[in-house]
Amino acid sequence: MPRILLRWAPCRHAARCRGLATAAAVERSLDAIARDNARLNAVASARAREDASAPGPSGSAGPLEGWPVAVKANIATTWGATSCASRALEDYRSPFAATAVEALERAGAAVVAKTNMDEFGMGSKNTFGIYGPAHNPHRAAGGGDLHSPGGSSGGSAAAVAAGLCRAALGSDTGGSVRLPAAWCGVVGFKPTYGRVSRRGLVAYGSSLDAVGVLAQTVDDAGAVYRAMAVPDPRDMTCMSPALRRRIAALVADTRPGMEHLGADRPLAGLRIGVPREAWVDELSAAALDAWRAGAARLAALGCEVVAVSLPHTRHALPAYYTLALAEASSNLARYDGVRYGSRSASRAPPPARPANASLKYAATRGEGLGAEVQRRILLGTYVMSEAACRHFYRPSQRIRRLVQQDFDAVFALPNALHAPDMAPQPSDGRRAGVDAILLPTATDTAPRQGRAGEEDLVASYVNDVMTVSANLAGIPAIAVPAGRTSGMPLGLQLAAQYGDDDLLLQIARHLHQ
């Protein structure tokens, strides 16, 4: 029988075929949401089927063609409410889509839903918000209790873990993508601050916020990230093309000849740091075992694993909450019922009605903002008072700089933001320092839901102890699944130098495998 050589030729029906495939993927995603969201409460609102299946702005096939994607409720879309899970913005319709959402749609993705979250991103268990708590798809072995999916991007993590969408966007201010990823057993990636435009992300802490990605695999997270990681002149905090080129030049100079690593030991030549300060008393035995296993796995892949010190890490959590709440107090001042947000319908008592407009503002903010948001605004306002600013805010800014310097001291790659001209390459071709650091994402598995009280509130703040340093320094960090204990997922976290996102994804991919 003669051999027939087939040559791929463009099909004049290719666009229609792609449209049918996208429509089918969207239908499966929306069917899953309709079937499973009642028990998960991961999705705040689903898009109309005819709108979600409509072709995107790009006429050709993109890298995310046919991917159903969900976005957190604090990321602007032109459909549905960008509510931030707050009564104040319950009916707010954005006149524009976030730059990240526009980039996904240009790449071919179909945005199918807005996900549940903690109000304005303030929380670590996805319990503070008008939609009620989201639930972790995983259950502990032998128990039927519901567990937290983590926060504040818990809805996005639960949606990905349950298969309601292929990937989801979240926001990460102090670990709000990585902590839910660890507790739900998925990948959570926070890029370098400025890699992805923040335009259209409702601000919590402007110098800390980053648009992050949740997905089942590192490859999927990387594909979504690369679609979004483009310059945006509409966002002054987004990296300029010149800075991106400078980072690429520093990477090429620091790691020459390491672009193509071997198959047997694919990470040979890389050095991984294990920070001593991450070994805290609160770390559970299961999390510690997963950390050790992750270090052993990286060593087997060819990495040199060494101990490093980040001495100011122990001050990072109080510094983070001081700075984040100060910025939140400023950012949320706009929700007064005049500039943004719903307005209270209550009327002041007759004696105060003629002159006291502040009572109207107070009623509006009291009704529109939840208890946790009000608590953080009050603390942030106090921190910015004259005396407290001197005693808390300014020292926290100094600690933030020291945390950044700690990372600069341990990483081999210089920080492109303030690195001097490159020093001559050492004779052995390898600079001192590590290429990435490995540490737990959380001190334990997801807690059970339903507990309340001051002790639990403090514990929810402490949940961020492993994640806030990356936000203070603006460096990339990623959480990957690291096994289970008693049926509940555990996660490990990798972090790299400012701008070294691609290497971080490469290491995480092998660690996850």
Protein backbone atom coordinates (compact mmCIF):
# COMPACT_ATOMS: atom_id res chain seq x y z
CA MET A 1 0.00 0.00 0.00
CA PRO A 2 1.60 3.34 -0.96
CA ARG A 3 2.59 5.77 1.79
CA ILE A 4 0.54 8.92 1.80
CA LEU A 5 2.16 12.06 3.14
CA LEU A 6 -0.33 14.39 4.72
CA ARG A 7 0.45 18.07 4.85
CA TRP A 8 -1.30 20.38 7.31
CA ALA A 9 -3.08 23.13 5.46
CA PRO A 10 -5.12 26.02 6.85
CA CYS A 11 -8.78 25.16 6.97
CA ARG A 12 -11.25 27.79 5.89
CA HIS A 13 -13.52 26.55 8.67
CA ALA A 14 -10.80 26.71 11.38
CA ALA A 15 -12.28 29.77 13.10
CA ARG A 16 -15.70 28.13 13.23
CA CYS A 17 -14.20 24.90 14.62
CA ARG A 18 -12.36 26.84 17.30
CA GLY A 19 -15.58 28.63 18.17
CA LEU A 20 -17.40 25.32 18.55
CA ALA A 21 -14.64 23.93 20.77
CA THR A 22 -14.69 27.04 22.95
CA ALA A 23 -18.46 26.87 23.23
CA ALA A 24 -18.27 23.22 24.28
CA ALA A 25 -15.66 23.96 26.96
CA VAL A 26 -17.70 26.88 28.26
CA GLU A 27 -20.84 24.72 28.38
CA ARG A 28 -19.01 22.08 30.44
CA SER A 29 -17.72 24.73 32.83
CA LEU A 30 -21.13 26.36 33.29
CA ASP A 31 -22.75 22.95 33.75
CA ALA A 32 -20.23 22.14 36.48
CA ILE A 33 -20.93 25.46 38.19
CA ALA A 34 -24.68 24.83 38.08
CA ARG A 35 -24.18 21.31 39.45
CA ASP A 36 -21.54 21.84 42.18
CA ASN A 37 -21.57 25.46 43.28
CA ALA A 38 -24.46 25.01 45.71
CA ARG A 39 -22.20 22.94 47.99
CA LEU A 40 -19.01 24.93 47.37
CA ASN A 41 -20.25 28.53 47.15
CA ALA A 42 -17.09 29.23 45.17
CA VAL A 43 -18.76 31.26 42.42
CA ALA A 44 -20.46 34.57 43.17
CA SER A 45 -22.01 34.96 39.72
CA ALA A 46 -21.84 33.01 36.47
CA ARG A 47 -21.91 34.63 33.06
CA ALA A 48 -24.81 34.14 30.70
CA ARG A 49 -24.11 31.21 28.39
CA GLU A 50 -24.53 33.17 25.18
CA ASP A 51 -22.14 35.89 26.38
CA ALA A 52 -19.51 33.50 27.72
CA SER A 53 -19.45 31.53 24.46
CA ALA A 54 -19.12 34.62 22.25
CA PRO A 55 -15.80 34.87 20.36
CA GLY A 56 -13.17 37.13 21.90
CA PRO A 57 -11.57 40.17 20.28
CA SER A 58 -8.75 38.16 18.70
CA GLY A 59 -9.48 36.75 15.27
CA SER A 60 -6.78 34.05 15.40
CA ALA A 61 -6.28 31.19 17.82
CA GLY A 62 -4.54 32.24 21.03
CA PRO A 63 -2.56 30.22 23.58
CA LEU A 64 -5.60 30.03 25.88
CA GLU A 65 -8.11 29.22 23.16
CA GLY A 66 -11.18 27.58 24.66
CA TRP A 67 -10.06 27.86 28.29
CA PRO A 68 -12.92 28.63 30.70
CA VAL A 69 -11.49 31.03 33.28
CA ALA A 70 -13.00 32.59 36.41
CA VAL A 71 -11.93 35.90 37.96
CA LYS A 72 -12.14 37.12 41.52
CA ALA A 73 -14.96 39.53 42.33
CA ASN A 74 -12.52 42.43 42.88
CA ILE A 75 -11.24 42.31 39.28
CA ALA A 76 -13.22 44.48 36.88
CA THR A 77 -15.27 43.02 34.06
CA THR A 78 -17.81 44.73 31.84
CA TRP A 79 -20.44 42.14 32.75
CA GLY A 80 -21.75 41.36 36.21
CA ALA A 81 -21.02 43.21 39.41
CA THR A 82 -17.46 43.97 40.48
CA SER A 83 -18.66 43.79 44.06
CA CYS A 84 -15.52 42.87 46.07
CA ALA A 85 -18.03 40.81 48.12
CA SER A 86 -19.11 44.07 49.78
CA ARG A 87 -22.54 45.57 50.30
CA ALA A 88 -21.05 48.91 49.30
CA LEU A 89 -20.37 47.70 45.73
CA GLU A 90 -23.05 45.05 45.44
CA ASP A 91 -24.57 46.63 42.33
CA TYR A 92 -21.43 48.28 40.89
CA ARG A 93 -20.93 47.71 37.16
CA SER A 94 -17.47 48.60 35.88
CA PRO A 95 -17.35 50.66 32.66
CA PHE A 96 -14.16 48.85 31.61
CA ALA A 97 -12.49 45.47 31.98
CA ALA A 98 -9.24 45.00 33.88
CA THR A 99 -6.12 44.86 31.72
CA ALA A 100 -5.55 41.28 32.91
CA VAL A 101 -9.05 40.28 31.78
CA GLU A 102 -8.56 41.97 28.40
CA ALA A 103 -5.28 40.08 27.95
CA LEU A 104 -6.92 36.73 28.73
CA GLU A 105 -9.70 37.35 26.23
CA ARG A 106 -7.18 38.37 23.56
CA ALA A 107 -5.40 35.07 24.22
CA GLY A 108 -8.65 33.19 23.56
CA ALA A 109 -9.86 32.48 27.11
CA ALA A 110 -13.55 32.69 27.96
CA VAL A 111 -14.29 34.37 31.30
CA VAL A 112 -17.22 32.39 32.70
CA ALA A 113 -17.65 33.50 36.32
CA LYS A 114 -16.80 35.87 39.16
CA THR A 115 -15.62 34.08 42.29
CA ASN A 116 -16.36 34.43 46.00
CA MET A 117 -13.86 36.21 48.24
CA ASP A 118 -13.30 37.94 51.54
CA GLU A 119 -14.67 41.49 51.43
CA PHE A 120 -12.15 43.77 49.68
CA GLY A 121 -9.58 40.97 50.01
CA MET A 122 -9.42 41.28 53.81
CA GLY A 123 -9.29 37.80 55.28
CA SER A 124 -7.54 34.45 55.07
CA LYS A 125 -10.49 32.02 55.26
CA ASN A 126 -13.06 33.40 52.78
CA THR A 127 -15.61 34.01 55.53
CA PHE A 128 -15.94 37.81 55.43
CA GLY A 129 -18.22 38.78 52.55
CA ILE A 130 -21.79 39.18 51.43
CA TYR A 131 -21.84 35.83 49.60
CA GLY A 132 -21.14 33.80 52.73
CA PRO A 133 -18.22 31.40 53.25
CA ALA A 134 -16.78 29.40 50.38
CA HIS A 135 -16.04 25.73 51.09
CA ASN A 136 -12.99 23.61 50.42
CA PRO A 137 -13.74 20.78 47.94
CA HIS A 138 -11.57 18.45 50.07
CA ARG A 139 -12.77 16.78 53.26
CA ALA A 140 -10.70 15.32 56.06
CA ALA A 141 -10.46 11.54 56.12
CA GLY A 142 -13.27 10.03 58.17
CA GLY A 143 -15.02 13.35 58.74
CA GLY A 144 -17.76 15.32 57.11
CA ASP A 145 -16.83 18.73 58.47
CA LEU A 146 -16.42 21.59 56.01
CA HIS A 147 -12.99 23.15 55.76
CA SER A 148 -11.89 26.62 54.76
CA PRO A 149 -10.54 27.07 51.22
CA GLY A 150 -8.30 29.89 52.44
CA GLY A 151 -8.58 33.53 51.59
CA SER A 152 -9.05 35.96 50.33
CA SER A 153 -9.06 34.21 46.92
CA GLY A 154 -10.74 31.10 48.33
CA GLY A 155 -13.51 31.08 45.74
CA SER A 156 -10.99 31.02 42.88
CA ALA A 157 -8.98 28.21 44.51
CA ALA A 158 -12.07 26.12 45.27
CA ALA A 159 -13.40 26.61 41.72
CA VAL A 160 -10.14 25.35 40.18
CA ALA A 161 -9.81 22.46 42.64
CA ALA A 162 -13.38 21.33 41.92
CA GLY A 163 -12.94 21.57 38.15
CA LEU A 164 -15.43 24.39 37.66
CA CYS A 165 -12.90 26.18 35.42
CA ARG A 166 -9.45 25.51 34.03
CA ALA A 167 -7.80 28.50 35.71
CA ALA A 168 -8.82 31.47 37.82
CA LEU A 169 -7.48 34.89 38.68
CA GLY A 170 -7.08 36.06 42.25
CA SER A 171 -5.39 38.93 44.01
CA ASP A 172 -2.44 38.48 46.34
CA THR A 173 -1.75 41.21 48.91
CA GLY A 174 -0.10 39.07 51.59
CA GLY A 175 -0.61 35.49 50.39
CA SER A 176 -4.23 35.57 49.22
CA VAL A 177 -3.46 33.40 46.18
CA ARG A 178 -0.82 31.08 47.65
CA LEU A 179 -2.57 30.20 50.93
CA PRO A 180 -5.85 29.11 49.22
CA ALA A 181 -3.81 27.19 46.64
CA ALA A 182 -2.04 25.23 49.40
CA TRP A 183 -5.25 24.48 51.29
CA CYS A 184 -7.15 23.44 48.13
CA GLY A 185 -4.32 21.42 46.56
CA VAL A 186 -3.77 23.55 43.45
CA VAL A 187 -1.03 25.80 42.07
CA GLY A 188 -1.08 29.46 43.08
CA PHE A 189 1.33 31.94 41.46
CA LYS A 190 1.99 35.51 42.56
CA PRO A 191 4.14 37.23 39.90
CA THR A 192 6.71 39.92 40.58
CA TYR A 193 5.04 43.19 41.57
CA GLY A 194 4.49 45.10 38.33
CA ARG A 195 4.78 42.15 35.92
CA VAL A 196 0.99 42.12 35.48
CA SER A 197 -0.97 45.36 35.29
CA ARG A 198 -3.07 46.25 38.33
CA ARG A 199 -5.44 48.40 36.27
CA GLY A 200 -8.94 47.12 37.04
CA LEU A 201 -7.95 45.43 40.31
CA VAL A 202 -9.80 47.13 43.15
CA ALA A 203 -7.09 48.31 45.52
CA TYR A 204 -6.56 47.03 49.06
CA GLY A 205 -2.85 47.78 49.63
CA SER A 206 -1.60 49.45 46.48
CA SER A 207 2.10 48.78 47.06
CA LEU A 208 1.42 45.11 47.89
CA ASP A 209 -1.41 43.98 45.58
CA ALA A 210 -0.69 41.67 42.65
CA VAL A 211 -2.95 39.84 40.21
CA GLY A 212 -2.23 36.13 40.66
CA VAL A 213 -3.14 32.86 38.95
CA LEU A 214 -4.64 29.62 40.27
CA ALA A 215 -4.55 26.46 38.15
CA GLN A 216 -4.27 22.69 38.37
CA THR A 217 -0.72 22.62 36.94
CA VAL A 218 2.29 24.90 36.81
CA ASP A 219 2.15 24.81 33.01
CA ASP A 220 -1.41 26.15 33.02
CA ALA A 221 -0.51 28.85 35.56
CA GLY A 222 2.48 29.83 33.44
CA ALA A 223 0.40 30.06 30.27
CA VAL A 224 -2.11 32.38 31.94
CA TYR A 225 0.68 34.47 33.46
CA ARG A 226 2.50 34.89 30.15
CA ALA A 227 -0.71 36.04 28.47
CA MET A 228 -1.10 38.80 31.08
CA ALA A 229 2.53 39.81 31.67
CA VAL A 230 2.67 42.70 29.21
CA PRO A 231 3.46 46.39 29.71
CA ASP A 232 0.52 48.68 30.36
CA PRO A 233 1.03 52.45 30.06
CA ARG A 234 -2.30 52.95 31.86
CA ASP A 235 -0.83 51.57 35.11
CA MET A 236 2.06 53.54 36.57
CA THR A 237 3.10 50.57 38.74
CA CYS A 238 3.39 48.19 35.77
CA MET A 239 6.93 47.36 34.65
CA SER A 240 8.16 49.40 31.71
CA PRO A 241 9.62 47.66 28.64
CA ALA A 242 13.04 49.05 29.60
CA LEU A 243 12.91 47.44 33.05
CA ARG A 244 11.83 44.11 31.53
CA ARG A 245 14.82 44.25 29.17
CA ARG A 246 17.14 45.07 32.07
CA ILE A 247 15.90 42.05 34.02
CA ALA A 248 16.43 39.79 30.99
CA ALA A 249 19.99 41.10 30.63
CA LEU A 250 20.74 40.49 34.32
CA VAL A 251 19.38 36.95 34.08
CA ALA A 252 21.50 36.20 31.00
CA ASP A 253 24.61 37.58 32.71
CA THR A 254 24.02 35.79 36.03
CA ARG A 255 23.15 32.36 34.64
CA PRO A 256 24.99 32.03 31.31
CA GLY A 257 24.44 28.74 29.50
CA MET A 258 21.69 27.51 31.84
CA GLU A 259 18.76 27.94 29.49
CA HIS A 260 18.80 24.29 28.43
CA LEU A 261 19.14 22.02 31.42
CA GLY A 262 19.62 18.26 31.16
CA ALA A 263 16.85 15.68 31.21
CA ASP A 264 18.31 13.37 33.87
CA ARG A 265 19.03 16.15 36.35
CA PRO A 266 16.98 18.98 34.86
CA LEU A 267 17.81 21.49 37.60
CA ALA A 268 21.54 20.77 37.82
CA GLY A 269 23.55 23.90 38.52
CA LEU A 270 20.79 25.65 40.44
CA ARG A 271 21.05 26.44 44.12
CA ILE A 272 18.01 26.39 46.43
CA GLY A 273 17.98 28.12 49.80
CA VAL A 274 16.09 26.86 52.84
CA PRO A 275 15.50 29.79 55.23
CA ARG A 276 16.17 29.01 58.87
CA GLU A 277 13.60 31.58 60.01
CA ALA A 278 10.74 29.63 58.38
CA TRP A 279 11.19 26.90 61.00
CA VAL A 280 8.65 28.34 63.45
CA ASP A 281 7.04 26.76 66.49
CA GLU A 282 3.60 26.81 64.83
CA LEU A 283 4.78 24.57 61.96
CA SER A 284 2.95 21.23 62.11
CA ALA A 285 4.75 17.91 61.80
CA ALA A 286 3.04 17.23 58.48
CA ALA A 287 4.10 20.61 57.04
CA LEU A 288 7.66 20.02 58.24
CA ASP A 289 7.76 16.56 56.63
CA ALA A 290 6.48 18.01 53.35
CA TRP A 291 9.16 20.70 53.49
CA ARG A 292 11.90 18.10 53.99
CA ALA A 293 10.50 15.95 51.18
CA GLY A 294 10.43 18.97 48.85
CA ALA A 295 14.08 19.76 49.60
CA ALA A 296 15.01 16.12 48.94
CA ARG A 297 13.07 16.17 45.68
CA LEU A 298 14.92 19.27 44.46
CA ALA A 299 18.26 17.73 45.43
CA ALA A 300 17.37 14.63 43.40
CA LEU A 301 16.63 16.91 40.42
CA GLY A 302 20.17 18.27 40.59
CA CYS A 303 19.81 21.33 42.83
CA GLU A 304 22.27 22.18 45.54
CA VAL A 305 20.17 22.75 48.67
CA VAL A 306 21.72 25.08 51.26
CA ALA A 307 20.57 26.84 54.41
CA VAL A 308 20.13 30.61 54.23
CA SER A 309 19.18 33.30 56.71
CA LEU A 310 16.54 36.00 56.30
CA PRO A 311 16.98 37.65 59.70
CA HIS A 312 14.21 40.24 59.45
CA THR A 313 11.51 37.72 58.51
CA ARG A 314 10.37 37.60 62.13
CA HIS A 315 9.37 41.27 61.87
CA ALA A 316 7.61 40.88 58.49
CA LEU A 317 4.10 40.02 59.74
CA PRO A 318 3.56 43.05 62.04
CA ALA A 319 5.20 45.33 59.45
CA TYR A 320 2.91 43.93 56.74
CA TYR A 321 -0.28 44.50 58.73
CA THR A 322 0.79 48.01 59.68
CA LEU A 323 1.47 49.00 56.07
CA ALA A 324 -1.45 47.10 54.50
CA LEU A 325 -4.02 48.55 56.87
CA ALA A 326 -2.66 52.08 56.45
CA GLU A 327 -3.01 51.76 52.68
CA ALA A 328 -6.45 50.16 53.04
CA SER A 329 -7.66 53.07 55.15
CA SER A 330 -6.66 55.46 52.38
CA ASN A 331 -7.92 53.34 49.48
CA LEU A 332 -11.32 52.63 51.01
CA ALA A 333 -12.03 56.26 51.87
CA ARG A 334 -13.63 56.62 48.43
CA TYR A 335 -16.58 54.37 49.35
CA ASP A 336 -18.65 57.13 50.88
CA GLY A 337 -21.82 56.91 48.77
CA VAL A 338 -20.85 60.02 46.79
CA ARG A 339 -17.83 58.98 44.75
CA TYR A 340 -18.34 55.21 44.89
CA GLY A 341 -20.66 52.76 46.59
CA SER A 342 -24.28 52.59 47.60
CA ARG A 343 -25.68 55.36 49.77
CA SER A 344 -27.52 54.87 53.02
CA ALA A 345 -31.26 55.56 52.89
CA SER A 346 -31.44 56.36 56.60
CA ARG A 347 -32.06 59.93 57.71
CA ALA A 348 -30.33 61.78 60.54
CA PRO A 349 -32.35 62.90 63.55
CA PRO A 350 -34.03 66.30 62.95
CA PRO A 351 -31.62 68.45 65.03
CA ALA A 352 -28.60 67.16 63.07
CA ARG A 353 -30.24 67.01 59.66
CA PRO A 354 -29.56 70.52 58.40
CA ALA A 355 -25.77 70.68 58.82
CA ASN A 356 -24.09 67.38 59.73
CA ALA A 357 -23.18 65.54 56.52
CA SER A 358 -20.70 63.35 58.40
CA LEU A 359 -23.61 61.39 59.89
CA LYS A 360 -24.69 60.51 56.36
CA TYR A 361 -21.18 59.31 55.53
CA ALA A 362 -21.05 57.31 58.76
CA ALA A 363 -24.38 55.64 58.05
CA THR A 364 -23.34 54.83 54.49
CA ARG A 365 -20.03 53.28 55.50
CA GLY A 366 -21.53 51.53 58.51
CA GLU A 367 -24.14 49.83 56.35
CA GLY A 368 -21.95 49.19 53.31
CA LEU A 369 -18.76 47.85 54.89
CA GLY A 370 -18.52 44.67 56.92
CA ALA A 371 -17.15 44.29 60.43
CA GLU A 372 -13.70 43.05 59.37
CA VAL A 373 -13.27 45.85 56.83
CA GLN A 374 -14.33 48.44 59.42
CA ARG A 375 -11.87 46.96 61.91
CA ARG A 376 -9.00 47.26 59.43
CA ILE A 377 -9.96 50.79 58.38
CA LEU A 378 -9.99 51.90 62.02
CA LEU A 379 -6.60 50.32 62.67
CA GLY A 380 -5.18 51.82 59.47
CA THR A 381 -6.53 55.26 60.31
CA TYR A 382 -4.93 55.05 63.74
CA VAL A 383 -1.60 53.96 62.25
CA MET A 384 -1.59 57.09 60.05
CA SER A 385 -2.22 59.46 62.96
CA GLU A 386 0.75 61.68 63.82
CA ALA A 387 2.02 59.84 66.90
CA ALA A 388 1.30 56.33 65.62
CA CYS A 389 2.86 57.11 62.26
CA ARG A 390 6.11 57.90 64.01
CA HIS A 391 6.00 54.81 66.22
CA PHE A 392 4.51 52.22 63.84
CA TYR A 393 4.25 53.26 60.19
CA ARG A 394 7.75 54.62 59.66
CA PRO A 395 9.48 51.73 61.47
CA SER A 396 7.41 49.32 59.36
CA GLN A 397 8.66 50.97 56.19
CA ARG A 398 12.22 50.53 57.45
CA ILE A 399 11.53 46.86 58.20
CA ARG A 400 10.15 46.46 54.69
CA ARG A 401 13.39 47.75 53.25
CA LEU A 402 15.38 45.40 55.49
CA VAL A 403 13.27 42.46 54.32
CA GLN A 404 14.04 43.43 50.71
CA GLN A 405 17.74 43.65 51.53
CA ASP A 406 17.63 40.20 53.14
CA PHE A 407 16.38 38.73 49.87
CA ASP A 408 18.91 40.69 47.81
CA ALA A 409 21.67 39.32 50.04
CA VAL A 410 20.75 35.65 49.48
CA PHE A 411 19.79 35.66 45.79
CA ALA A 412 22.48 35.27 43.12
CA LEU A 413 20.54 37.45 40.69
CA PRO A 414 20.89 41.18 41.44
CA ASN A 415 17.72 43.17 42.02
CA ALA A 416 17.06 45.09 38.80
CA LEU A 417 15.38 47.96 40.65
CA HIS A 418 18.52 49.16 42.36
CA ALA A 419 21.38 46.92 41.23
CA PRO A 420 24.58 48.73 40.18
CA ASP A 421 26.24 47.88 36.91
CA MET A 422 27.10 44.19 36.87
CA ALA A 423 30.37 43.24 38.54
CA PRO A 424 32.76 41.02 36.59
CA GLN A 425 31.68 37.39 36.41
CA PRO A 426 33.60 35.13 38.85
CA SER A 427 36.20 32.82 37.31
CA ASP A 428 34.05 29.73 37.97
CA GLY A 429 31.12 31.36 36.10
CA ARG A 430 28.82 31.16 39.13
CA ARG A 431 27.83 34.03 41.39
CA ALA A 432 27.38 33.54 45.10
CA GLY A 433 23.85 33.17 46.38
CA VAL A 434 20.81 31.02 45.65
CA ASP A 435 18.45 30.98 42.68
CA ALA A 436 15.28 30.36 44.69
CA ILE A 437 14.16 29.63 48.23
CA LEU A 438 11.90 26.83 49.44
CA LEU A 439 9.59 27.14 52.43
CA PRO A 440 6.12 26.02 53.56
CA THR A 441 3.09 27.95 52.32
CA ALA A 442 1.14 27.48 55.56
CA THR A 443 1.86 26.12 59.00
CA ASP A 444 -0.79 23.38 58.65
CA THR A 445 -3.67 22.13 56.52
CA ALA A 446 -6.95 23.99 56.09
CA PRO A 447 -8.83 24.57 59.37
CA ARG A 448 -12.41 23.54 59.92
CA GLN A 449 -15.05 26.16 59.35
CA GLY A 450 -17.43 27.45 61.95
CA ARG A 451 -15.09 28.63 64.67
CA ALA A 452 -15.45 32.24 65.76
CA GLY A 453 -14.04 34.56 68.37
CA GLU A 454 -11.05 36.73 69.07
CA GLU A 455 -8.62 33.80 69.25
CA ASP A 456 -9.66 32.57 65.81
CA LEU A 457 -9.39 36.11 64.42
CA VAL A 458 -5.79 36.41 65.61
CA ALA A 459 -5.03 32.96 64.21
CA SER A 460 -6.35 34.05 60.81
CA TYR A 461 -3.86 36.93 60.80
CA VAL A 462 -1.00 34.56 61.72
CA ASN A 463 -1.91 32.32 58.73
CA ASP A 464 -0.03 34.80 56.53
CA VAL A 465 3.28 34.41 58.37
CA MET A 466 4.87 32.36 55.56
CA THR A 467 3.65 34.50 52.67
CA VAL A 468 3.81 38.21 53.51
CA SER A 469 7.57 38.64 53.01
CA ALA A 470 7.26 38.09 49.26
CA ASN A 471 4.72 40.90 49.01
CA LEU A 472 6.81 43.27 51.12
CA ALA A 473 9.77 42.64 48.80
CA GLY A 474 7.71 42.53 45.58
CA ILE A 475 9.29 39.22 44.53
CA PRO A 476 7.56 36.32 42.72
CA ALA A 477 6.34 33.33 44.73
CA ILE A 478 4.43 30.19 43.87
CA ALA A 479 2.62 27.53 45.91
CA VAL A 480 2.53 23.95 44.61
CA PRO A 481 0.76 20.89 46.03
CA ALA A 482 2.97 18.77 48.33
CA GLY A 483 0.88 15.75 49.24
CA ARG A 484 -1.84 15.24 51.81
CA THR A 485 -2.27 14.44 55.45
CA SER A 486 -5.53 13.03 56.81
CA GLY A 487 -7.10 13.65 53.42
CA MET A 488 -6.30 17.38 53.33
CA PRO A 489 -3.77 18.98 50.94
CA LEU A 490 -0.45 20.51 51.92
CA GLY A 491 1.50 23.07 49.91
CA LEU A 492 5.09 24.16 49.43
CA GLN A 493 6.21 27.61 48.37
CA LEU A 494 9.07 28.73 46.14
CA ALA A 495 10.23 32.34 45.83
CA ALA A 496 12.84 33.97 43.58
CA GLN A 497 14.48 37.33 43.01
CA TYR A 498 12.57 40.33 41.67
CA GLY A 499 11.76 39.65 38.00
CA ASP A 500 12.94 36.03 37.97
CA ASP A 501 9.44 34.66 37.30
CA ASP A 502 10.38 32.33 34.45
CA LEU A 503 13.02 30.45 36.44
CA LEU A 504 10.61 30.16 39.36
CA LEU A 505 7.98 28.56 37.13
CA GLN A 506 10.58 26.18 35.71
CA ILE A 507 11.67 24.99 39.16
CA ALA A 508 8.06 24.75 40.37
CA ARG A 509 7.12 22.66 37.35
CA HIS A 510 9.72 20.01 38.19
CA LEU A 511 8.93 20.11 41.90
CA HIS A 512 5.22 19.62 41.17
CA GLN A 513 5.89 16.67 38.88
